Amino acid sequence: MQNIPQDPMMLFSFVNMKLRDEYPTLDELCASLDIERSWLEEKLGAFGFEYSAENNKFW
């Protein structure tokens, strides 16, 4: 994994910024950053965030 934030709120912000500015899908972000999608969804899901493919962001 590249230098991605471990703090849930920082990770939430980081991921949404990347999705907004650089990646059209969560799968492309995960492939580019070499992280498991399931890990990311579980990590953010533990804090109540859910990915919306339609909006291409967590909320």
PDB file of N, CA and C in Angstrom:
ATOM      1  N   MET A   1       0.834  -1.191   0.000  1.00  0.00           N
ATOM      2  CA  MET A   1       0.000   0.000   0.000  1.00  0.00           C
ATOM      3  C   MET A   1       0.868   1.239   0.000  1.00  0.00           C
ATOM      4  N   GLN A   2       0.466   2.167  -0.809  1.00  0.00           N
ATOM      5  CA  GLN A   2       1.170   3.439  -0.796  1.00  0.00           C
ATOM      6  C   GLN A   2       0.834   4.159   0.490  1.00  0.00           C
ATOM      7  N   ASN A   3       1.316   5.346   0.621  1.00  0.00           N
ATOM      8  CA  ASN A   3       1.071   6.120   1.824  1.00  0.00           C
ATOM      9  C   ASN A   3      -0.364   6.629   1.865  1.00  0.00           C
ATOM     10  N   ILE A   4      -1.253   5.773   2.318  1.00  0.00           N
ATOM     11  CA  ILE A   4      -2.636   6.202   2.464  1.00  0.00           C
ATOM     12  C   ILE A   4      -2.918   6.396   3.952  1.00  0.00           C
ATOM     13  N   PRO A   5      -3.762   7.333   4.281  1.00  0.00           N
ATOM     14  CA  PRO A   5      -4.052   7.602   5.695  1.00  0.00           C
ATOM     15  C   PRO A   5      -4.678   6.391   6.382  1.00  0.00           C
ATOM     16  N   GLN A   6      -4.340   6.169   7.630  1.00  0.00           N
ATOM     17  CA  GLN A   6      -4.929   5.091   8.414  1.00  0.00           C
ATOM     18  C   GLN A   6      -6.077   5.597   9.285  1.00  0.00           C
ATOM     19  N   ASP A   7      -6.079   6.879   9.604  1.00  0.00           N
ATOM     20  CA  ASP A   7      -7.172   7.472  10.358  1.00  0.00           C
ATOM     21  C   ASP A   7      -8.432   7.428   9.485  1.00  0.00           C
ATOM     22  N   PRO A   8      -9.549   6.926  10.017  1.00  0.00           N
ATOM     23  CA  PRO A   8     -10.756   6.757   9.191  1.00  0.00           C
ATOM     24  C   PRO A   8     -11.267   8.039   8.532  1.00  0.00           C
ATOM     25  N   MET A   9     -11.272   9.148   9.235  1.00  0.00           N
ATOM     26  CA  MET A   9     -11.769  10.392   8.638  1.00  0.00           C
ATOM     27  C   MET A   9     -10.814  10.919   7.558  1.00  0.00           C
ATOM     28  N   MET A  10      -9.537  10.783   7.790  1.00  0.00           N
ATOM     29  CA  MET A  10      -8.551  11.193   6.787  1.00  0.00           C
ATOM     30  C   MET A  10      -8.626  10.268   5.570  1.00  0.00           C
ATOM     31  N   LEU A  11      -8.801   8.975   5.818  1.00  0.00           N
ATOM     32  CA  LEU A  11      -8.936   8.011   4.725  1.00  0.00           C
ATOM     33  C   LEU A  11     -10.184   8.313   3.909  1.00  0.00           C
ATOM     34  N   PHE A  12     -11.292   8.587   4.570  1.00  0.00           N
ATOM     35  CA  PHE A  12     -12.549   8.947   3.904  1.00  0.00           C
ATOM     36  C   PHE A  12     -12.337  10.149   2.987  1.00  0.00           C
ATOM     37  N   SER A  13     -11.718  11.176   3.507  1.00  0.00           N
ATOM     38  CA  SER A  13     -11.471  12.391   2.731  1.00  0.00           C
ATOM     39  C   SER A  13     -10.511  12.130   1.566  1.00  0.00           C
ATOM     40  N   PHE A  14      -9.447  11.412   1.839  1.00  0.00           N
ATOM     41  CA  PHE A  14      -8.440  11.080   0.830  1.00  0.00           C
ATOM     42  C   PHE A  14      -9.056  10.296  -0.330  1.00  0.00           C
ATOM     43  N   VAL A  15      -9.805   9.251   0.008  1.00  0.00           N
ATOM     44  CA  VAL A  15     -10.404   8.394  -1.019  1.00  0.00           C
ATOM     45  C   VAL A  15     -11.411   9.179  -1.862  1.00  0.00           C
ATOM     46  N   ASN A  16     -12.265   9.957  -1.216  1.00  0.00           N
ATOM     47  CA  ASN A  16     -13.251  10.725  -1.980  1.00  0.00           C
ATOM     48  C   ASN A  16     -12.593  11.773  -2.866  1.00  0.00           C
ATOM     49  N   MET A  17     -11.519  12.371  -2.404  1.00  0.00           N
ATOM     50  CA  MET A  17     -10.793  13.334  -3.236  1.00  0.00           C
ATOM     51  C   MET A  17     -10.217  12.627  -4.474  1.00  0.00           C
ATOM     52  N   LYS A  18      -9.608  11.474  -4.262  1.00  0.00           N
ATOM     53  CA  LYS A  18      -9.042  10.711  -5.375  1.00  0.00           C
ATOM     54  C   LYS A  18     -10.130  10.284  -6.359  1.00  0.00           C
ATOM     55  N   LEU A  19     -11.270   9.835  -5.828  1.00  0.00           N
ATOM     56  CA  LEU A  19     -12.368   9.422  -6.701  1.00  0.00           C
ATOM     57  C   LEU A  19     -12.909  10.607  -7.487  1.00  0.00           C
ATOM     58  N   ARG A  20     -12.999  11.738  -6.857  1.00  0.00           N
ATOM     59  CA  ARG A  20     -13.516  12.942  -7.530  1.00  0.00           C
ATOM     60  C   ARG A  20     -12.538  13.432  -8.601  1.00  0.00           C
ATOM     61  N   ASP A  21     -11.246  13.445  -8.283  1.00  0.00           N
ATOM     62  CA  ASP A  21     -10.261  14.094  -9.148  1.00  0.00           C
ATOM     63  C   ASP A  21      -9.533  13.177 -10.125  1.00  0.00           C
ATOM     64  N   GLU A  22      -9.411  11.883  -9.792  1.00  0.00           N
ATOM     65  CA  GLU A  22      -8.511  11.043 -10.585  1.00  0.00           C
ATOM     66  C   GLU A  22      -9.089   9.725 -11.103  1.00  0.00           C
ATOM     67  N   TYR A  23     -10.056   9.153 -10.399  1.00  0.00           N
ATOM     68  CA  TYR A  23     -10.492   7.797 -10.750  1.00  0.00           C
ATOM     69  C   TYR A  23     -11.998   7.733 -10.978  1.00  0.00           C
ATOM     70  N   PRO A  24     -12.424   7.174 -12.102  1.00  0.00           N
ATOM     71  CA  PRO A  24     -13.862   7.082 -12.388  1.00  0.00           C
ATOM     72  C   PRO A  24     -14.572   5.951 -11.625  1.00  0.00           C
ATOM     73  N   THR A  25     -13.803   5.019 -11.044  1.00  0.00           N
ATOM     74  CA  THR A  25     -14.419   3.931 -10.275  1.00  0.00           C
ATOM     75  C   THR A  25     -13.545   3.578  -9.073  1.00  0.00           C
ATOM     76  N   LEU A  26     -14.176   2.950  -8.102  1.00  0.00           N
ATOM     77  CA  LEU A  26     -13.439   2.483  -6.927  1.00  0.00           C
ATOM     78  C   LEU A  26     -12.448   1.392  -7.306  1.00  0.00           C
ATOM     79  N   ASP A  27     -12.812   0.533  -8.240  1.00  0.00           N
ATOM     80  CA  ASP A  27     -11.898  -0.532  -8.668  1.00  0.00           C
ATOM     81  C   ASP A  27     -10.615   0.037  -9.272  1.00  0.00           C
ATOM     82  N   GLU A  28     -10.733   1.098 -10.063  1.00  0.00           N
ATOM     83  CA  GLU A  28      -9.540   1.711 -10.649  1.00  0.00           C
ATOM     84  C   GLU A  28      -8.664   2.350  -9.579  1.00  0.00           C
ATOM     85  N   LEU A  29      -9.273   2.997  -8.601  1.00  0.00           N
ATOM     86  CA  LEU A  29      -8.504   3.575  -7.502  1.00  0.00           C
ATOM     87  C   LEU A  29      -7.748   2.485  -6.758  1.00  0.00           C
ATOM     88  N   CYS A  30      -8.436   1.410  -6.418  1.00  0.00           N
ATOM     89  CA  CYS A  30      -7.808   0.321  -5.665  1.00  0.00           C
ATOM     90  C   CYS A  30      -6.664  -0.317  -6.453  1.00  0.00           C
ATOM     91  N   ALA A  31      -6.861  -0.523  -7.743  1.00  0.00           N
ATOM     92  CA  ALA A  31      -5.809  -1.116  -8.572  1.00  0.00           C
ATOM     93  C   ALA A  31      -4.599  -0.195  -8.641  1.00  0.00           C
ATOM     94  N   SER A  32      -4.833   1.074  -8.800  1.00  0.00           N
ATOM     95  CA  SER A  32      -3.745   2.035  -8.912  1.00  0.00           C
ATOM     96  C   SER A  32      -2.959   2.170  -7.612  1.00  0.00           C
ATOM     97  N   LEU A  33      -3.667   2.149  -6.485  1.00  0.00           N
ATOM     98  CA  LEU A  33      -3.007   2.306  -5.184  1.00  0.00           C
ATOM     99  C   LEU A  33      -2.572   0.973  -4.587  1.00  0.00           C
ATOM    100  N   ASP A  34      -2.864  -0.122  -5.285  1.00  0.00           N
ATOM    101  CA  ASP A  34      -2.505  -1.470  -4.843  1.00  0.00           C
ATOM    102  C   ASP A  34      -3.084  -1.779  -3.459  1.00  0.00           C
ATOM    103  N   ILE A  35      -4.397  -1.549  -3.330  1.00  0.00           N
ATOM    104  CA  ILE A  35      -5.091  -1.901  -2.097  1.00  0.00           C
ATOM    105  C   ILE A  35      -6.295  -2.767  -2.438  1.00  0.00           C
ATOM    106  N   GLU A  36      -6.677  -3.602  -1.509  1.00  0.00           N
ATOM    107  CA  GLU A  36      -7.836  -4.471  -1.702  1.00  0.00           C
ATOM    108  C   GLU A  36      -9.117  -3.669  -1.500  1.00  0.00           C
ATOM    109  N   ARG A  37     -10.009  -3.769  -2.458  1.00  0.00           N
ATOM    110  CA  ARG A  37     -11.293  -3.059  -2.345  1.00  0.00           C
ATOM    111  C   ARG A  37     -12.037  -3.498  -1.090  1.00  0.00           C
ATOM    112  N   SER A  38     -12.030  -4.793  -0.818  1.00  0.00           N
ATOM    113  CA  SER A  38     -12.749  -5.305   0.354  1.00  0.00           C
ATOM    114  C   SER A  38     -12.185  -4.706   1.644  1.00  0.00           C
ATOM    115  N   TRP A  39     -10.859  -4.555   1.727  1.00  0.00           N
ATOM    116  CA  TRP A  39     -10.246  -3.946   2.908  1.00  0.00           C
ATOM    117  C   TRP A  39     -10.722  -2.506   3.069  1.00  0.00           C
ATOM    118  N   LEU A  40     -10.723  -1.762   1.980  1.00  0.00           N
ATOM    119  CA  LEU A  40     -11.120  -0.362   2.018  1.00  0.00           C
ATOM    120  C   LEU A  40     -12.591  -0.220   2.410  1.00  0.00           C
ATOM    121  N   GLU A  41     -13.447  -1.031   1.810  1.00  0.00           N
ATOM    122  CA  GLU A  41     -14.867  -0.958   2.137  1.00  0.00           C
ATOM    123  C   GLU A  41     -15.131  -1.386   3.585  1.00  0.00           C
ATOM    124  N   GLU A  42     -14.412  -2.379   4.072  1.00  0.00           N
ATOM    125  CA  GLU A  42     -14.571  -2.806   5.467  1.00  0.00           C
ATOM    126  C   GLU A  42     -14.068  -1.731   6.428  1.00  0.00           C
ATOM    127  N   LYS A  43     -12.914  -1.151   6.113  1.00  0.00           N
ATOM    128  CA  LYS A  43     -12.330  -0.118   6.977  1.00  0.00           C
ATOM    129  C   LYS A  43     -13.267   1.078   7.086  1.00  0.00           C
ATOM    130  N   LEU A  44     -13.754   1.583   5.963  1.00  0.00           N
ATOM    131  CA  LEU A  44     -14.654   2.735   5.997  1.00  0.00           C
ATOM    132  C   LEU A  44     -16.055   2.335   6.466  1.00  0.00           C
ATOM    133  N   GLY A  45     -16.472   1.128   6.153  1.00  0.00           N
ATOM    134  CA  GLY A  45     -17.778   0.644   6.591  1.00  0.00           C
ATOM    135  C   GLY A  45     -17.882   0.536   8.105  1.00  0.00           C
ATOM    136  N   ALA A  46     -16.767   0.247   8.760  1.00  0.00           N
ATOM    137  CA  ALA A  46     -16.761   0.149  10.222  1.00  0.00           C
ATOM    138  C   ALA A  46     -17.099   1.488  10.876  1.00  0.00           C
ATOM    139  N   PHE A  47     -16.971   2.563  10.123  1.00  0.00           N
ATOM    140  CA  PHE A  47     -17.273   3.896  10.636  1.00  0.00           C
ATOM    141  C   PHE A  47     -18.526   4.494   9.993  1.00  0.00           C
ATOM    142  N   GLY A  48     -19.305   3.606   9.355  1.00  0.00           N
ATOM    143  CA  GLY A  48     -20.600   4.018   8.820  1.00  0.00           C
ATOM    144  C   GLY A  48     -20.588   4.541   7.398  1.00  0.00           C
ATOM    145  N   PHE A  49     -19.462   4.469   6.722  1.00  0.00           N
ATOM    146  CA  PHE A  49     -19.388   4.951   5.346  1.00  0.00           C
ATOM    147  C   PHE A  49     -19.655   3.814   4.374  1.00  0.00           C
ATOM    148  N   GLU A  50     -20.372   4.127   3.314  1.00  0.00           N
ATOM    149  CA  GLU A  50     -20.714   3.148   2.291  1.00  0.00           C
ATOM    150  C   GLU A  50     -20.409   3.741   0.928  1.00  0.00           C
ATOM    151  N   TYR A  51     -19.899   2.897   0.031  1.00  0.00           N
ATOM    152  CA  TYR A  51     -19.576   3.360  -1.310  1.00  0.00           C
ATOM    153  C   TYR A  51     -20.817   3.389  -2.179  1.00  0.00           C
ATOM    154  N   SER A  52     -20.991   4.478  -2.928  1.00  0.00           N
ATOM    155  CA  SER A  52     -22.063   4.605  -3.906  1.00  0.00           C
ATOM    156  C   SER A  52     -21.427   4.646  -5.283  1.00  0.00           C
ATOM    157  N   ALA A  53     -21.625   3.588  -6.067  1.00  0.00           N
ATOM    158  CA  ALA A  53     -21.077   3.549  -7.430  1.00  0.00           C
ATOM    159  C   ALA A  53     -21.729   4.630  -8.293  1.00  0.00           C
ATOM    160  N   GLU A  54     -22.993   4.869  -8.060  1.00  0.00           N
ATOM    161  CA  GLU A  54     -23.716   5.876  -8.836  1.00  0.00           C
ATOM    162  C   GLU A  54     -23.099   7.276  -8.662  1.00  0.00           C
ATOM    163  N   ASN A  55     -22.672   7.572  -7.438  1.00  0.00           N
ATOM    164  CA  ASN A  55     -22.070   8.868  -7.144  1.00  0.00           C
ATOM    165  C   ASN A  55     -20.543   8.820  -7.112  1.00  0.00           C
ATOM    166  N   ASN A  56     -19.984   7.633  -7.217  1.00  0.00           N
ATOM    167  CA  ASN A  56     -18.537   7.415  -7.160  1.00  0.00           C
ATOM    168  C   ASN A  56     -17.913   8.099  -5.937  1.00  0.00           C
ATOM    169  N   LYS A  57     -18.500   7.807  -4.770  1.00  0.00           N
ATOM    170  CA  LYS A  57     -17.936   8.325  -3.521  1.00  0.00           C
ATOM    171  C   LYS A  57     -18.474   7.545  -2.343  1.00  0.00           C
ATOM    172  N   PHE A  58     -17.757   7.666  -1.231  1.00  0.00           N
ATOM    173  CA  PHE A  58     -18.232   7.117   0.029  1.00  0.00           C
ATOM    174  C   PHE A  58     -19.053   8.181   0.724  1.00  0.00           C
ATOM    175  N   TRP A  59     -20.076   7.734   1.432  1.00  0.00           N
ATOM    176  CA  TRP A  59     -20.854   8.641   2.274  1.00  0.00           C
ATOM    177  C   TRP A  59     -21.493   7.895   3.386  1.00  0.00           C
TER     178      TRP A  59
END
